[in-house]
């Protein structure tokens, strides 16, 4: 069975060093880096020009009610879009996905897959196995055709052609996890089952922002927004705008806390607990005032 191997994946020691670096500078915070850091290590730093989505569906299965979290944990990957049918022939089901990370043109899914059935579907749709620089993948003729790497526990894809395979197979030191701003966001978010990370804009006052979803052992959901500011002045201004938005938006943001992360004077964190009448993900769907406040910084 053809199986693609990640030739240049960061070694365990390197990943452990990154994890230590992120958690070790928390200066008293009890937040711990989650699988988000490892997931960011599987996307090239070029992916920072687009929004990145991370999902840990297995974590929700452990702690949450499936119906409550269904909408916020549905994969939205382009390769499974009903508007852009792909050659999976019902073989790639959301229920088989444990976690995923994706940008606009590349992604990696982890779970329990039937590689033989997936490959059979690819072949029937005209895909052929190809190889470049030691990497094996499946692709149809045509430079703009998406390519896939398939195994029983991973499915990865890229829409940039064979030259863009590094999108999901970055060289050591060249992933999003190696970028300091992303490490700071991971530390700020803590152990999340979903993270929506906006594009990195190094030249702007707000360099990077992200919204994470946490679920407690009791099944309570908390949304966490993290903002990496250009400097302390911008961080103070950002915190002020967000506090004003929380006050003006009462009662929808009741219980929200806006803080500048201890030990890092340029990272602002907002935690917003959900009540029993609020669905997880509301800051992404209809309570958008906190996102909009960032435009006033």
Protein backbone atom coordinates (compact mmCIF):
# COMPACT_ATOMS: atom_id res chain seq x y z
CA UNK A 1 0.00 0.00 0.00
CA UNK A 2 1.55 3.36 -0.97
CA UNK A 3 2.04 5.43 2.17
CA UNK A 4 3.60 8.89 2.29
CA UNK A 5 6.17 9.55 5.00
CA UNK A 6 6.98 13.02 6.30
CA UNK A 7 10.62 13.12 5.36
CA UNK A 8 11.60 16.30 7.16
CA UNK A 9 9.30 16.36 10.19
CA UNK A 10 10.90 17.96 13.28
CA UNK A 11 12.48 15.31 15.55
CA UNK A 12 10.98 14.62 18.95
CA UNK A 13 13.80 16.41 20.76
CA UNK A 14 13.24 19.55 18.71
CA UNK A 15 9.48 19.47 19.35
CA UNK A 16 10.10 19.00 23.07
CA UNK A 17 12.48 21.97 23.07
CA UNK A 18 9.81 24.15 21.44
CA UNK A 19 7.22 23.02 23.96
CA UNK A 20 9.56 23.83 26.84
CA UNK A 21 10.30 27.23 25.37
CA UNK A 22 6.63 28.10 25.10
CA UNK A 23 5.44 26.84 28.47
CA UNK A 24 8.56 27.85 30.34
CA UNK A 25 8.06 31.59 29.82
CA UNK A 26 4.52 31.76 31.15
CA UNK A 27 5.66 33.48 34.36
CA UNK A 28 3.10 31.99 36.70
CA UNK A 29 0.36 31.18 34.20
CA UNK A 30 -1.23 27.79 34.69
CA UNK A 31 -2.04 27.52 30.98
CA UNK A 32 -0.30 24.74 29.11
CA UNK A 33 0.53 24.55 25.43
CA UNK A 34 -1.80 22.17 23.66
CA UNK A 35 -1.56 20.14 20.48
CA UNK A 36 -1.85 23.46 18.64
CA UNK A 37 1.92 23.96 18.77
CA UNK A 38 2.58 20.55 17.22
CA UNK A 39 -0.06 21.23 14.56
CA UNK A 40 1.53 24.55 13.63
CA UNK A 41 4.78 22.64 13.21
CA UNK A 42 3.16 20.80 10.30
CA UNK A 43 2.50 23.92 8.24
CA UNK A 44 5.16 25.92 6.42
CA UNK A 45 5.82 29.46 7.62
CA UNK A 46 4.41 30.58 4.24
CA UNK A 47 1.00 29.56 5.58
CA UNK A 48 1.18 32.60 7.85
CA UNK A 49 -0.12 34.71 4.98
CA UNK A 50 -3.56 33.10 5.42
CA UNK A 51 -5.91 32.22 8.25
CA UNK A 52 -5.07 28.93 9.96
CA UNK A 53 -7.67 26.61 11.47
CA UNK A 54 -6.85 23.98 14.10
CA UNK A 55 -9.32 21.41 15.43
CA UNK A 56 -8.91 18.69 18.07
CA UNK A 57 -12.17 16.77 17.76
CA UNK A 58 -10.93 13.95 19.97
CA UNK A 59 -10.61 16.37 22.91
CA UNK A 60 -14.24 17.42 22.53
CA UNK A 61 -15.36 13.80 22.44
CA UNK A 62 -13.66 13.32 25.81
CA UNK A 63 -15.13 16.35 27.57
CA UNK A 64 -18.08 17.73 25.66
CA UNK A 65 -21.57 16.94 24.51
CA UNK A 66 -21.36 16.15 20.80
CA UNK A 67 -24.55 18.03 19.88
CA UNK A 68 -23.45 21.17 21.71
CA UNK A 69 -20.09 21.30 19.95
CA UNK A 70 -21.10 19.89 16.59
CA UNK A 71 -21.21 23.18 14.67
CA UNK A 72 -17.89 24.48 16.00
CA UNK A 73 -16.02 21.21 15.37
CA UNK A 74 -17.16 20.49 11.82
CA UNK A 75 -14.21 20.42 9.41
CA UNK A 76 -14.49 23.16 6.81
CA UNK A 77 -11.60 21.93 4.70
CA UNK A 78 -11.80 22.79 1.05
CA UNK A 79 -11.07 19.22 0.08
CA UNK A 80 -14.39 18.12 1.61
CA UNK A 81 -16.52 20.96 0.26
CA UNK A 82 -19.82 19.98 -1.30
CA UNK A 83 -19.38 22.92 -3.67
CA UNK A 84 -16.07 21.53 -4.93
CA UNK A 85 -16.55 17.73 -4.94
CA UNK A 86 -13.44 15.66 -4.42
CA UNK A 87 -12.77 12.03 -5.37
CA UNK A 88 -13.41 10.49 -1.96
CA UNK A 89 -16.57 8.55 -2.80
CA UNK A 90 -17.82 8.91 0.83
CA UNK A 91 -14.60 7.37 2.14
CA UNK A 92 -13.40 10.48 3.96
CA UNK A 93 -15.99 11.16 6.66
CA UNK A 94 -15.78 13.85 9.36
CA UNK A 95 -16.41 11.20 12.00
CA UNK A 96 -13.05 9.62 11.12
CA UNK A 97 -11.11 12.85 11.75
CA UNK A 98 -9.53 13.28 15.19
CA UNK A 99 -7.67 16.51 14.46
CA UNK A 100 -6.75 18.80 11.61
CA UNK A 101 -4.76 21.90 10.75
CA UNK A 102 -5.19 23.84 7.52
CA UNK A 103 -4.49 27.11 5.78
CA UNK A 104 -6.08 28.34 2.56
CA UNK A 105 -4.07 26.03 0.32
CA UNK A 106 -2.82 23.15 2.45
CA UNK A 107 -3.82 20.95 5.34
CA UNK A 108 -3.24 17.78 7.34
CA UNK A 109 -5.90 15.51 8.83
CA UNK A 110 -5.21 12.90 11.49
CA UNK A 111 -7.55 10.07 12.44
CA UNK A 112 -8.56 6.58 11.39
CA UNK A 113 -8.78 6.28 7.62
CA UNK A 114 -9.02 3.47 5.12
CA UNK A 115 -6.04 4.32 2.92
CA UNK A 116 -6.78 1.51 0.46
CA UNK A 117 -10.34 2.77 -0.10
CA UNK A 118 -9.17 6.38 -0.42
CA UNK A 119 -6.51 5.43 -2.95
CA UNK A 120 -9.03 3.39 -4.90
CA UNK A 121 -11.26 6.45 -5.12
CA UNK A 122 -8.34 8.60 -6.24
CA UNK A 123 -7.39 6.12 -8.94
CA UNK A 124 -10.95 5.92 -10.24
CA UNK A 125 -10.95 9.68 -10.62
CA UNK A 126 -7.77 9.73 -12.68
CA UNK A 127 -5.20 10.34 -9.95
CA UNK A 128 -1.79 8.74 -10.34
CA UNK A 129 1.03 8.25 -7.90
CA UNK A 130 3.94 10.59 -8.48
CA UNK A 131 7.18 11.42 -6.71
CA UNK A 132 9.33 14.50 -6.34
CA UNK A 133 12.33 15.10 -4.10
CA UNK A 134 11.69 11.80 -2.33
CA UNK A 135 8.05 12.63 -1.56
CA UNK A 136 5.26 10.44 -2.91
CA UNK A 137 1.83 11.88 -3.62
CA UNK A 138 -1.30 11.45 -5.73
CA UNK A 139 -2.20 13.95 -8.43
CA UNK A 140 -4.05 14.24 -11.71
CA UNK A 141 -2.46 15.77 -14.79
CA UNK A 142 -2.39 19.55 -14.71
CA UNK A 143 -0.26 21.94 -12.67
CA UNK A 144 -3.23 23.39 -10.76
CA UNK A 145 -4.64 20.06 -9.65
CA UNK A 146 -4.55 19.43 -5.86
CA UNK A 147 -2.25 16.71 -4.62
CA UNK A 148 -2.78 14.29 -1.76
CA UNK A 149 -0.67 12.17 0.57
CA UNK A 150 -2.58 9.29 2.13
CA UNK A 151 -2.05 6.78 4.93
CA UNK A 152 -4.27 4.99 7.43
CA UNK A 153 -3.75 7.71 10.05
CA UNK A 154 -3.02 10.85 8.02
CA UNK A 155 -4.33 12.61 4.93
CA UNK A 156 -2.55 15.75 3.77
CA UNK A 157 -3.14 17.95 0.76
CA UNK A 158 -1.78 20.96 -1.06
CA UNK A 159 -3.21 22.99 -3.92
CA UNK A 160 0.08 24.60 -4.91
CA UNK A 161 1.47 21.79 -7.03
CA UNK A 162 4.42 19.48 -6.39
CA UNK A 163 6.74 22.41 -5.71
CA UNK A 164 4.52 23.37 -2.76
CA UNK A 165 4.67 20.03 -0.93
CA UNK A 166 6.68 21.79 1.76
CA UNK A 167 3.39 23.50 2.72
CA UNK A 168 2.56 20.37 4.73
CA UNK A 169 6.13 19.07 5.11
CA UNK A 170 8.24 22.04 6.24
CA UNK A 171 11.95 21.87 6.73
CA UNK A 172 13.21 22.02 10.31
CA UNK A 173 13.03 25.57 11.57
CA UNK A 174 10.71 26.75 8.78
CA UNK A 175 7.25 25.99 10.22
CA UNK A 176 4.72 28.31 11.85
CA UNK A 177 5.65 26.76 15.21
CA UNK A 178 9.13 28.23 14.79
CA UNK A 179 7.82 31.80 14.58
CA UNK A 180 7.88 33.68 17.87
CA UNK A 181 4.50 35.38 17.45
CA UNK A 182 2.79 32.02 16.93
CA UNK A 183 4.53 30.59 20.00
CA UNK A 184 3.20 33.50 22.05
CA UNK A 185 -0.33 32.93 20.77
CA UNK A 186 -0.12 29.23 21.66
CA UNK A 187 0.99 30.08 25.18
CA UNK A 188 -1.79 32.63 25.55
CA UNK A 189 -4.58 30.37 24.25
CA UNK A 190 -3.69 27.39 26.41
CA UNK A 191 -5.26 23.97 25.90
CA UNK A 192 -7.80 24.61 23.14
CA UNK A 193 -9.79 22.23 20.97
CA UNK A 194 -10.19 24.83 18.24
CA UNK A 195 -8.12 27.83 17.20
CA UNK A 196 -8.72 30.31 14.42
CA UNK A 197 -5.48 32.21 13.83
CA UNK A 198 -5.60 35.30 11.66
CA UNK A 199 -2.82 36.10 9.15
CA UNK A 200 0.43 37.45 10.57
CA UNK A 201 0.82 41.16 9.75
CA UNK A 202 4.22 42.07 11.13
CA UNK A 203 4.01 45.70 10.01
CA UNK A 204 0.68 46.45 11.72
CA UNK A 205 -0.03 47.52 15.29
CA UNK A 206 -1.86 44.23 15.84
CA UNK A 207 0.65 41.68 14.57
CA UNK A 208 -1.31 38.49 15.15
CA UNK A 209 -4.66 37.55 16.67
CA UNK A 210 -6.43 34.30 17.39
CA UNK A 211 -9.61 32.93 18.91
CA UNK A 212 -9.49 29.67 20.81
CA UNK A 213 -12.18 27.41 22.27
CA UNK A 214 -11.63 25.61 25.58
CA UNK A 215 -13.82 22.99 27.19
CA UNK A 216 -13.55 22.00 30.84
CA UNK A 217 -13.90 18.52 32.27
CA UNK A 218 -17.43 19.53 33.25
CA UNK A 219 -18.25 20.46 29.66
CA UNK A 220 -18.22 24.25 30.12
CA UNK A 221 -16.98 26.24 27.14
CA UNK A 222 -14.79 29.34 27.31
CA UNK A 223 -13.70 31.40 24.32
CA UNK A 224 -10.23 32.94 24.47
CA UNK A 225 -9.04 35.77 22.25
CA UNK A 226 -5.33 36.50 22.11
CA UNK A 227 -3.77 39.55 20.48
CA UNK A 228 -0.05 40.08 19.84
CA UNK A 229 0.57 43.82 19.74
CA UNK A 230 3.46 45.73 18.22
CA UNK A 231 4.52 47.29 21.54
CA UNK A 232 3.34 47.97 25.09
CA UNK A 233 1.59 51.18 24.09
CA UNK A 234 -0.45 49.28 21.50
CA UNK A 235 -1.17 46.51 24.01
CA UNK A 236 -2.52 49.03 26.52
CA UNK A 237 -4.65 50.66 23.84
CA UNK A 238 -5.92 47.26 22.67
CA UNK A 239 -6.84 46.23 26.21
CA UNK A 240 -8.69 49.52 26.67
CA UNK A 241 -10.70 49.09 23.47
CA UNK A 242 -11.62 45.52 24.41
CA UNK A 243 -12.67 46.47 27.95
CA UNK A 244 -14.86 49.23 26.55
CA UNK A 245 -16.43 46.76 24.12
CA UNK A 246 -17.14 44.29 26.93
CA UNK A 247 -18.86 47.02 28.98
CA UNK A 248 -20.89 48.34 26.05
CA UNK A 249 -21.89 44.82 24.98
CA UNK A 250 -23.43 43.77 28.29
CA UNK A 251 -24.90 41.31 29.00
CA UNK A 252 -23.57 39.22 26.09
CA UNK A 253 -19.99 39.39 27.43
CA UNK A 254 -20.80 38.98 31.12
CA UNK A 255 -17.92 37.34 32.98
CA UNK A 256 -15.34 38.38 30.36
CA UNK A 257 -11.86 39.32 31.56
CA UNK A 258 -9.36 41.41 29.61
CA UNK A 259 -5.75 41.16 30.77
CA UNK A 260 -2.23 41.77 29.52
CA UNK A 261 -0.49 38.42 29.78
CA UNK A 262 1.84 38.20 32.76
CA UNK A 263 5.47 38.08 31.65
CA UNK A 264 4.68 39.38 28.15
CA UNK A 265 3.79 43.06 28.00
CA UNK A 266 2.55 42.99 24.41
CA UNK A 267 0.04 40.10 24.47
CA UNK A 268 -3.57 40.82 25.40
CA UNK A 269 -5.95 38.03 26.42
CA UNK A 270 -9.74 38.09 26.62
CA UNK A 271 -11.60 35.16 28.20
CA UNK A 272 -15.35 34.95 27.60
CA UNK A 273 -17.28 32.17 29.37
CA UNK A 274 -20.37 30.77 27.68
CA UNK A 275 -23.58 30.25 29.61
CA UNK A 276 -25.91 27.32 29.09
CA UNK A 277 -27.94 29.33 26.58
CA UNK A 278 -24.95 30.26 24.40
CA UNK A 279 -23.44 28.03 21.79
CA UNK A 280 -19.64 27.64 21.55
CA UNK A 281 -18.16 29.72 18.76
CA UNK A 282 -20.43 32.74 19.11
CA UNK A 283 -17.47 35.15 18.88
CA UNK A 284 -16.88 33.72 15.42
CA UNK A 285 -20.47 33.76 14.24
CA UNK A 286 -22.56 36.63 15.61
CA UNK A 287 -20.98 38.36 18.63
CA UNK A 288 -18.27 39.95 16.49
CA UNK A 289 -17.79 43.18 18.45
CA UNK A 290 -14.51 42.06 20.04
CA UNK A 291 -12.99 41.31 16.62
CA UNK A 292 -14.24 44.64 15.29
CA UNK A 293 -12.64 46.47 18.21
CA UNK A 294 -9.20 45.46 16.95
CA UNK A 295 -9.75 47.66 13.88
CA UNK A 296 -9.94 50.71 16.17
CA UNK A 297 -6.50 50.11 17.68
